[in-house]
Amino acid sequence: MLDGLLRALELWSHKNNPKIQLFSVKEVAELLGCSPRTIKGLIHDKKELRYLTVGREIKIRHQDIEFFIKQRLRLSVYDQGILK
């Protein structure tokens, strides 16, 4: 599932392809399939997702979303060679 998210993020980021791709809290929530409140919690409470502010808006860079997803990748029993 997380691999699919990484692919979706890659496709989404190539839509406009600026030098720095920034996402709003709402866009990140839609991408990850959760609520904007969850994303704000990851930013402010747990401090697990890096962000920047542009004016009063919270923005998350493409590479920070990718890093966040990769941190959560877990090997399945098939990937670990336990089951074949």
PDB file of N, CA and C in Angstrom:
ATOM      1  N   MET A   1       0.816  -1.188   0.000  1.00  0.00           N
ATOM      2  CA  MET A   1       0.000   0.000   0.000  1.00  0.00           C
ATOM      3  C   MET A   1       0.866   1.261   0.000  1.00  0.00           C
ATOM      4  N   LEU A   2       1.919   1.264   0.833  1.00  0.00           N
ATOM      5  CA  LEU A   2       2.773   2.445   0.895  1.00  0.00           C
ATOM      6  C   LEU A   2       3.534   2.655  -0.403  1.00  0.00           C
ATOM      7  N   ASP A   3       3.880   1.558  -1.087  1.00  0.00           N
ATOM      8  CA  ASP A   3       4.517   1.711  -2.400  1.00  0.00           C
ATOM      9  C   ASP A   3       3.581   2.421  -3.366  1.00  0.00           C
ATOM     10  N   GLY A   4       2.303   2.104  -3.288  1.00  0.00           N
ATOM     11  CA  GLY A   4       1.310   2.769  -4.116  1.00  0.00           C
ATOM     12  C   GLY A   4       1.221   4.255  -3.801  1.00  0.00           C
ATOM     13  N   LEU A   5       1.336   4.583  -2.510  1.00  0.00           N
ATOM     14  CA  LEU A   5       1.322   5.990  -2.115  1.00  0.00           C
ATOM     15  C   LEU A   5       2.529   6.725  -2.683  1.00  0.00           C
ATOM     16  N   LEU A   6       3.675   6.073  -2.650  1.00  0.00           N
ATOM     17  CA  LEU A   6       4.876   6.703  -3.212  1.00  0.00           C
ATOM     18  C   LEU A   6       4.712   6.941  -4.709  1.00  0.00           C
ATOM     19  N   ARG A   7       4.117   5.971  -5.406  1.00  0.00           N
ATOM     20  CA  ARG A   7       3.889   6.144  -6.838  1.00  0.00           C
ATOM     21  C   ARG A   7       2.888   7.264  -7.103  1.00  0.00           C
ATOM     22  N   ALA A   8       1.825   7.316  -6.289  1.00  0.00           N
ATOM     23  CA  ALA A   8       0.828   8.380  -6.445  1.00  0.00           C
ATOM     24  C   ALA A   8       1.459   9.740  -6.190  1.00  0.00           C
ATOM     25  N   LEU A   9       2.314   9.816  -5.170  1.00  0.00           N
ATOM     26  CA  LEU A   9       3.001  11.067  -4.868  1.00  0.00           C
ATOM     27  C   LEU A   9       3.880  11.483  -6.032  1.00  0.00           C
ATOM     28  N   GLU A  10       4.585  10.539  -6.611  1.00  0.00           N
ATOM     29  CA  GLU A  10       5.463  10.827  -7.745  1.00  0.00           C
ATOM     30  C   GLU A  10       4.653  11.361  -8.935  1.00  0.00           C
ATOM     31  N   LEU A  11       3.525  10.723  -9.229  1.00  0.00           N
ATOM     32  CA  LEU A  11       2.675  11.188 -10.330  1.00  0.00           C
ATOM     33  C   LEU A  11       2.109  12.569 -10.041  1.00  0.00           C
ATOM     34  N   TRP A  12       1.692  12.783  -8.804  1.00  0.00           N
ATOM     35  CA  TRP A  12       1.106  14.058  -8.416  1.00  0.00           C
ATOM     36  C   TRP A  12       2.143  15.177  -8.510  1.00  0.00           C
ATOM     37  N   SER A  13       3.368  14.880  -8.126  1.00  0.00           N
ATOM     38  CA  SER A  13       4.399  15.907  -8.127  1.00  0.00           C
ATOM     39  C   SER A  13       4.837  16.282  -9.539  1.00  0.00           C
ATOM     40  N   HIS A  14       4.661  15.392 -10.487  1.00  0.00           N
ATOM     41  CA  HIS A  14       5.062  15.694 -11.863  1.00  0.00           C
ATOM     42  C   HIS A  14       3.979  16.431 -12.634  1.00  0.00           C
ATOM     43  N   LYS A  15       2.844  16.663 -11.981  1.00  0.00           N
ATOM     44  CA  LYS A  15       1.747  17.350 -12.652  1.00  0.00           C
ATOM     45  C   LYS A  15       2.181  18.725 -13.151  1.00  0.00           C
ATOM     46  N   ASN A  16       2.752  19.517 -12.258  1.00  0.00           N
ATOM     47  CA  ASN A  16       3.198  20.865 -12.633  1.00  0.00           C
ATOM     48  C   ASN A  16       4.712  20.954 -12.713  1.00  0.00           C
ATOM     49  N   ASN A  17       5.396  20.096 -12.004  1.00  0.00           N
ATOM     50  CA  ASN A  17       6.845  19.955 -11.994  1.00  0.00           C
ATOM     51  C   ASN A  17       7.615  21.254 -11.730  1.00  0.00           C
ATOM     52  N   PRO A  18       7.249  22.004 -10.692  1.00  0.00           N
ATOM     53  CA  PRO A  18       8.093  23.145 -10.333  1.00  0.00           C
ATOM     54  C   PRO A  18       9.354  22.651  -9.628  1.00  0.00           C
ATOM     55  N   LYS A  19      10.285  23.556  -9.398  1.00  0.00           N
ATOM     56  CA  LYS A  19      11.527  23.148  -8.739  1.00  0.00           C
ATOM     57  C   LYS A  19      11.273  22.645  -7.329  1.00  0.00           C
ATOM     58  N   ILE A  20      10.410  23.320  -6.573  1.00  0.00           N
ATOM     59  CA  ILE A  20      10.048  22.864  -5.238  1.00  0.00           C
ATOM     60  C   ILE A  20       8.548  22.615  -5.229  1.00  0.00           C
ATOM     61  N   GLN A  21       8.166  21.367  -5.030  1.00  0.00           N
ATOM     62  CA  GLN A  21       6.751  21.008  -4.998  1.00  0.00           C
ATOM     63  C   GLN A  21       6.251  21.102  -3.564  1.00  0.00           C
ATOM     64  N   LEU A  22       5.281  21.975  -3.325  1.00  0.00           N
ATOM     65  CA  LEU A  22       4.700  22.163  -2.005  1.00  0.00           C
ATOM     66  C   LEU A  22       3.252  21.700  -2.000  1.00  0.00           C
ATOM     67  N   PHE A  23       2.861  21.052  -0.914  1.00  0.00           N
ATOM     68  CA  PHE A  23       1.502  20.548  -0.761  1.00  0.00           C
ATOM     69  C   PHE A  23       0.864  21.178   0.463  1.00  0.00           C
ATOM     70  N   SER A  24      -0.431  21.420   0.390  1.00  0.00           N
ATOM     71  CA  SER A  24      -1.166  21.914   1.551  1.00  0.00           C
ATOM     72  C   SER A  24      -1.482  20.741   2.476  1.00  0.00           C
ATOM     73  N   VAL A  25      -1.902  21.051   3.681  1.00  0.00           N
ATOM     74  CA  VAL A  25      -2.294  20.017   4.638  1.00  0.00           C
ATOM     75  C   VAL A  25      -3.429  19.180   4.043  1.00  0.00           C
ATOM     76  N   LYS A  26      -4.370  19.836   3.400  1.00  0.00           N
ATOM     77  CA  LYS A  26      -5.507  19.127   2.797  1.00  0.00           C
ATOM     78  C   LYS A  26      -5.044  18.174   1.696  1.00  0.00           C
ATOM     79  N   GLU A  27      -4.124  18.613   0.860  1.00  0.00           N
ATOM     80  CA  GLU A  27      -3.617  17.757  -0.225  1.00  0.00           C
ATOM     81  C   GLU A  27      -2.882  16.545   0.324  1.00  0.00           C
ATOM     82  N   VAL A  28      -2.072  16.747   1.370  1.00  0.00           N
ATOM     83  CA  VAL A  28      -1.345  15.626   1.971  1.00  0.00           C
ATOM     84  C   VAL A  28      -2.337  14.648   2.597  1.00  0.00           C
ATOM     85  N   ALA A  29      -3.366  15.173   3.246  1.00  0.00           N
ATOM     86  CA  ALA A  29      -4.385  14.311   3.853  1.00  0.00           C
ATOM     87  C   ALA A  29      -5.089  13.475   2.782  1.00  0.00           C
ATOM     88  N   GLU A  30      -5.425  14.087   1.663  1.00  0.00           N
ATOM     89  CA  GLU A  30      -6.067  13.349   0.568  1.00  0.00           C
ATOM     90  C   GLU A  30      -5.133  12.269   0.024  1.00  0.00           C
ATOM     91  N   LEU A  31      -3.880  12.615  -0.142  1.00  0.00           N
ATOM     92  CA  LEU A  31      -2.896  11.667  -0.666  1.00  0.00           C
ATOM     93  C   LEU A  31      -2.728  10.464   0.257  1.00  0.00           C
ATOM     94  N   LEU A  32      -2.651  10.718   1.558  1.00  0.00           N
ATOM     95  CA  LEU A  32      -2.423   9.644   2.530  1.00  0.00           C
ATOM     96  C   LEU A  32      -3.714   8.976   2.997  1.00  0.00           C
ATOM     97  N   GLY A  33      -4.848   9.514   2.598  1.00  0.00           N
ATOM     98  CA  GLY A  33      -6.129   8.908   2.957  1.00  0.00           C
ATOM     99  C   GLY A  33      -6.493   9.106   4.426  1.00  0.00           C
ATOM    100  N   CYS A  34      -6.235  10.278   4.937  1.00  0.00           N
ATOM    101  CA  CYS A  34      -6.571  10.584   6.327  1.00  0.00           C
ATOM    102  C   CYS A  34      -7.139  11.993   6.396  1.00  0.00           C
ATOM    103  N   SER A  35      -7.429  12.457   7.588  1.00  0.00           N
ATOM    104  CA  SER A  35      -8.009  13.789   7.732  1.00  0.00           C
ATOM    105  C   SER A  35      -6.912  14.851   7.861  1.00  0.00           C
ATOM    106  N   PRO A  36      -7.240  16.098   7.524  1.00  0.00           N
ATOM    107  CA  PRO A  36      -6.280  17.179   7.748  1.00  0.00           C
ATOM    108  C   PRO A  36      -5.882  17.295   9.224  1.00  0.00           C
ATOM    109  N   ARG A  37      -6.790  16.958  10.109  1.00  0.00           N
ATOM    110  CA  ARG A  37      -6.485  16.987  11.548  1.00  0.00           C
ATOM    111  C   ARG A  37      -5.357  16.002  11.895  1.00  0.00           C
ATOM    112  N   THR A  38      -5.378  14.836  11.260  1.00  0.00           N
ATOM    113  CA  THR A  38      -4.306  13.847  11.476  1.00  0.00           C
ATOM    114  C   THR A  38      -2.966  14.415  11.023  1.00  0.00           C
ATOM    115  N   ILE A  39      -2.948  15.068   9.864  1.00  0.00           N
ATOM    116  CA  ILE A  39      -1.712  15.652   9.350  1.00  0.00           C
ATOM    117  C   ILE A  39      -1.212  16.739  10.292  1.00  0.00           C
ATOM    118  N   LYS A  40      -2.110  17.590  10.775  1.00  0.00           N
ATOM    119  CA  LYS A  40      -1.705  18.637  11.723  1.00  0.00           C
ATOM    120  C   LYS A  40      -1.157  18.030  13.003  1.00  0.00           C
ATOM    121  N   GLY A  41      -1.723  16.898  13.438  1.00  0.00           N
ATOM    122  CA  GLY A  41      -1.200  16.202  14.606  1.00  0.00           C
ATOM    123  C   GLY A  41       0.203  15.666  14.367  1.00  0.00           C
ATOM    124  N   LEU A  42       0.442  15.143  13.163  1.00  0.00           N
ATOM    125  CA  LEU A  42       1.773  14.640  12.820  1.00  0.00           C
ATOM    126  C   LEU A  42       2.788  15.776  12.775  1.00  0.00           C
ATOM    127  N   ILE A  43       2.324  16.957  12.426  1.00  0.00           N
ATOM    128  CA  ILE A  43       3.209  18.120  12.351  1.00  0.00           C
ATOM    129  C   ILE A  43       3.479  18.697  13.734  1.00  0.00           C
ATOM    130  N   HIS A  44       2.425  19.004  14.467  1.00  0.00           N
ATOM    131  CA  HIS A  44       2.569  19.758  15.712  1.00  0.00           C
ATOM    132  C   HIS A  44       2.750  18.886  16.954  1.00  0.00           C
ATOM    133  N   ASP A  45       1.968  17.810  17.080  1.00  0.00           N
ATOM    134  CA  ASP A  45       2.014  17.007  18.297  1.00  0.00           C
ATOM    135  C   ASP A  45       3.156  16.002  18.279  1.00  0.00           C
ATOM    136  N   LYS A  46       3.195  15.195  17.235  1.00  0.00           N
ATOM    137  CA  LYS A  46       4.200  14.135  17.160  1.00  0.00           C
ATOM    138  C   LYS A  46       5.500  14.598  16.526  1.00  0.00           C
ATOM    139  N   LYS A  47       5.464  15.698  15.814  1.00  0.00           N
ATOM    140  CA  LYS A  47       6.634  16.248  15.132  1.00  0.00           C
ATOM    141  C   LYS A  47       7.292  15.215  14.208  1.00  0.00           C
ATOM    142  N   GLU A  48       6.454  14.473  13.493  1.00  0.00           N
ATOM    143  CA  GLU A  48       6.940  13.424  12.598  1.00  0.00           C
ATOM    144  C   GLU A  48       6.989  13.861  11.134  1.00  0.00           C
ATOM    145  N   LEU A  49       6.363  14.986  10.828  1.00  0.00           N
ATOM    146  CA  LEU A  49       6.306  15.436   9.445  1.00  0.00           C
ATOM    147  C   LEU A  49       6.838  16.861   9.379  1.00  0.00           C
ATOM    148  N   ARG A  50       7.895  17.045   8.608  1.00  0.00           N
ATOM    149  CA  ARG A  50       8.498  18.377   8.467  1.00  0.00           C
ATOM    150  C   ARG A  50       7.613  19.258   7.609  1.00  0.00           C
ATOM    151  N   TYR A  51       7.648  20.547   7.874  1.00  0.00           N
ATOM    152  CA  TYR A  51       6.805  21.488   7.153  1.00  0.00           C
ATOM    153  C   TYR A  51       7.465  22.857   7.144  1.00  0.00           C
ATOM    154  N   LEU A  52       6.885  23.750   6.379  1.00  0.00           N
ATOM    155  CA  LEU A  52       7.295  25.145   6.398  1.00  0.00           C
ATOM    156  C   LEU A  52       6.035  25.989   6.308  1.00  0.00           C
ATOM    157  N   THR A  53       6.172  27.251   6.623  1.00  0.00           N
ATOM    158  CA  THR A  53       5.017  28.132   6.515  1.00  0.00           C
ATOM    159  C   THR A  53       5.283  29.154   5.420  1.00  0.00           C
ATOM    160  N   VAL A  54       4.257  29.410   4.661  1.00  0.00           N
ATOM    161  CA  VAL A  54       4.279  30.442   3.639  1.00  0.00           C
ATOM    162  C   VAL A  54       3.150  31.393   4.036  1.00  0.00           C
ATOM    163  N   GLY A  55       3.540  32.517   4.597  1.00  0.00           N
ATOM    164  CA  GLY A  55       2.534  33.388   5.202  1.00  0.00           C
ATOM    165  C   GLY A  55       1.968  32.678   6.415  1.00  0.00           C
ATOM    166  N   ARG A  56       0.666  32.453   6.422  1.00  0.00           N
ATOM    167  CA  ARG A  56       0.027  31.732   7.516  1.00  0.00           C
ATOM    168  C   ARG A  56      -0.301  30.291   7.141  1.00  0.00           C
ATOM    169  N   GLU A  57       0.036  29.908   5.931  1.00  0.00           N
ATOM    170  CA  GLU A  57      -0.283  28.572   5.434  1.00  0.00           C
ATOM    171  C   GLU A  57       0.827  27.580   5.752  1.00  0.00           C
ATOM    172  N   ILE A  58       0.438  26.373   6.134  1.00  0.00           N
ATOM    173  CA  ILE A  58       1.384  25.274   6.338  1.00  0.00           C
ATOM    174  C   ILE A  58       1.570  24.585   4.999  1.00  0.00           C
ATOM    175  N   LYS A  59       2.821  24.389   4.604  1.00  0.00           N
ATOM    176  CA  LYS A  59       3.142  23.695   3.357  1.00  0.00           C
ATOM    177  C   LYS A  59       4.121  22.571   3.663  1.00  0.00           C
ATOM    178  N   ILE A  60       3.973  21.463   2.946  1.00  0.00           N
ATOM    179  CA  ILE A  60       4.843  20.310   3.131  1.00  0.00           C
ATOM    180  C   ILE A  60       5.510  20.020   1.794  1.00  0.00           C
ATOM    181  N   ARG A  61       6.830  19.887   1.826  1.00  0.00           N
ATOM    182  CA  ARG A  61       7.586  19.623   0.595  1.00  0.00           C
ATOM    183  C   ARG A  61       7.412  18.168   0.156  1.00  0.00           C
ATOM    184  N   HIS A  62       7.518  17.964  -1.146  1.00  0.00           N
ATOM    185  CA  HIS A  62       7.428  16.628  -1.737  1.00  0.00           C
ATOM    186  C   HIS A  62       8.401  15.663  -1.060  1.00  0.00           C
ATOM    187  N   GLN A  63       9.644  16.075  -0.905  1.00  0.00           N
ATOM    188  CA  GLN A  63      10.646  15.166  -0.338  1.00  0.00           C
ATOM    189  C   GLN A  63      10.357  14.838   1.128  1.00  0.00           C
ATOM    190  N   ASP A  64       9.689  15.733   1.857  1.00  0.00           N
ATOM    191  CA  ASP A  64       9.341  15.441   3.248  1.00  0.00           C
ATOM    192  C   ASP A  64       8.202  14.431   3.332  1.00  0.00           C
ATOM    193  N   ILE A  65       7.271  14.493   2.397  1.00  0.00           N
ATOM    194  CA  ILE A  65       6.199  13.487   2.350  1.00  0.00           C
ATOM    195  C   ILE A  65       6.795  12.133   1.996  1.00  0.00           C
ATOM    196  N   GLU A  66       7.672  12.122   1.011  1.00  0.00           N
ATOM    197  CA  GLU A  66       8.321  10.876   0.588  1.00  0.00           C
ATOM    198  C   GLU A  66       9.120  10.258   1.732  1.00  0.00           C
ATOM    199  N   PHE A  67       9.880  11.069   2.463  1.00  0.00           N
ATOM    200  CA  PHE A  67      10.656  10.586   3.604  1.00  0.00           C
ATOM    201  C   PHE A  67       9.726  10.021   4.684  1.00  0.00           C
ATOM    202  N   PHE A  68       8.637  10.717   4.954  1.00  0.00           N
ATOM    203  CA  PHE A  68       7.649  10.276   5.946  1.00  0.00           C
ATOM    204  C   PHE A  68       7.089   8.907   5.572  1.00  0.00           C
ATOM    205  N   ILE A  69       6.740   8.718   4.296  1.00  0.00           N
ATOM    206  CA  ILE A  69       6.200   7.436   3.839  1.00  0.00           C
ATOM    207  C   ILE A  69       7.261   6.339   3.936  1.00  0.00           C
ATOM    208  N   LYS A  70       8.467   6.624   3.489  1.00  0.00           N
ATOM    209  CA  LYS A  70       9.526   5.614   3.511  1.00  0.00           C
ATOM    210  C   LYS A  70       9.870   5.181   4.931  1.00  0.00           C
ATOM    211  N   GLN A  71       9.759   6.085   5.893  1.00  0.00           N
ATOM    212  CA  GLN A  71      10.010   5.727   7.290  1.00  0.00           C
ATOM    213  C   GLN A  71       9.029   4.677   7.778  1.00  0.00           C
ATOM    214  N   ARG A  72       7.855   4.633   7.191  1.00  0.00           N
ATOM    215  CA  ARG A  72       6.801   3.743   7.646  1.00  0.00           C
ATOM    216  C   ARG A  72       6.690   2.447   6.852  1.00  0.00           C
ATOM    217  N   LEU A  73       7.521   2.283   5.840  1.00  0.00           N
ATOM    218  CA  LEU A  73       7.493   1.037   5.074  1.00  0.00           C
ATOM    219  C   LEU A  73       7.921  -0.119   5.961  1.00  0.00           C
ATOM    220  N   ARG A  74       7.144  -1.165   5.941  1.00  0.00           N
ATOM    221  CA  ARG A  74       7.456  -2.361   6.709  1.00  0.00           C
ATOM    222  C   ARG A  74       7.545  -3.527   5.730  1.00  0.00           C
ATOM    223  N   LEU A  75       8.487  -4.406   5.960  1.00  0.00           N
ATOM    224  CA  LEU A  75       8.619  -5.580   5.115  1.00  0.00           C
ATOM    225  C   LEU A  75       7.520  -6.575   5.446  1.00  0.00           C
ATOM    226  N   SER A  76       6.918  -7.139   4.421  1.00  0.00           N
ATOM    227  CA  SER A  76       5.930  -8.187   4.636  1.00  0.00           C
ATOM    228  C   SER A  76       6.661  -9.502   4.886  1.00  0.00           C
ATOM    229  N   VAL A  77       5.920 -10.516   5.307  1.00  0.00           N
ATOM    230  CA  VAL A  77       6.548 -11.820   5.535  1.00  0.00           C
ATOM    231  C   VAL A  77       7.102 -12.376   4.238  1.00  0.00           C
ATOM    232  N   TYR A  78       6.523 -11.990   3.105  1.00  0.00           N
ATOM    233  CA  TYR A  78       7.056 -12.439   1.814  1.00  0.00           C
ATOM    234  C   TYR A  78       8.380 -11.741   1.515  1.00  0.00           C
ATOM    235  N   ASP A  79       8.456 -10.440   1.809  1.00  0.00           N
ATOM    236  CA  ASP A  79       9.696  -9.707   1.566  1.00  0.00           C
ATOM    237  C   ASP A  79      10.817 -10.192   2.461  1.00  0.00           C
ATOM    238  N   GLN A  80      10.478 -10.647   3.657  1.00  0.00           N
ATOM    239  CA  GLN A  80      11.486 -11.111   4.600  1.00  0.00           C
ATOM    240  C   GLN A  80      11.911 -12.545   4.322  1.00  0.00           C
ATOM    241  N   GLY A  81      11.249 -13.220   3.393  1.00  0.00           N
ATOM    242  CA  GLY A  81      11.608 -14.584   3.041  1.00  0.00           C
ATOM    243  C   GLY A  81      11.024 -15.614   3.989  1.00  0.00           C
ATOM    244  N   ILE A  82      10.118 -15.218   4.869  1.00  0.00           N
ATOM    245  CA  ILE A  82       9.509 -16.161   5.802  1.00  0.00           C
ATOM    246  C   ILE A  82       8.535 -17.078   5.077  1.00  0.00           C
ATOM    247  N   LEU A  83       7.715 -16.498   4.219  1.00  0.00           N
ATOM    248  CA  LEU A  83       6.777 -17.260   3.408  1.00  0.00           C
ATOM    249  C   LEU A  83       7.173 -17.146   1.962  1.00  0.00           C
ATOM    250  N   LYS A  84       6.870 -18.178   1.216  1.00  0.00           N
ATOM    251  CA  LYS A  84       7.191 -18.160  -0.215  1.00  0.00           C
ATOM    252  C   LYS A  84       5.961 -18.416  -1.030  1.00  0.00           C
TER     253      LYS A  84
END
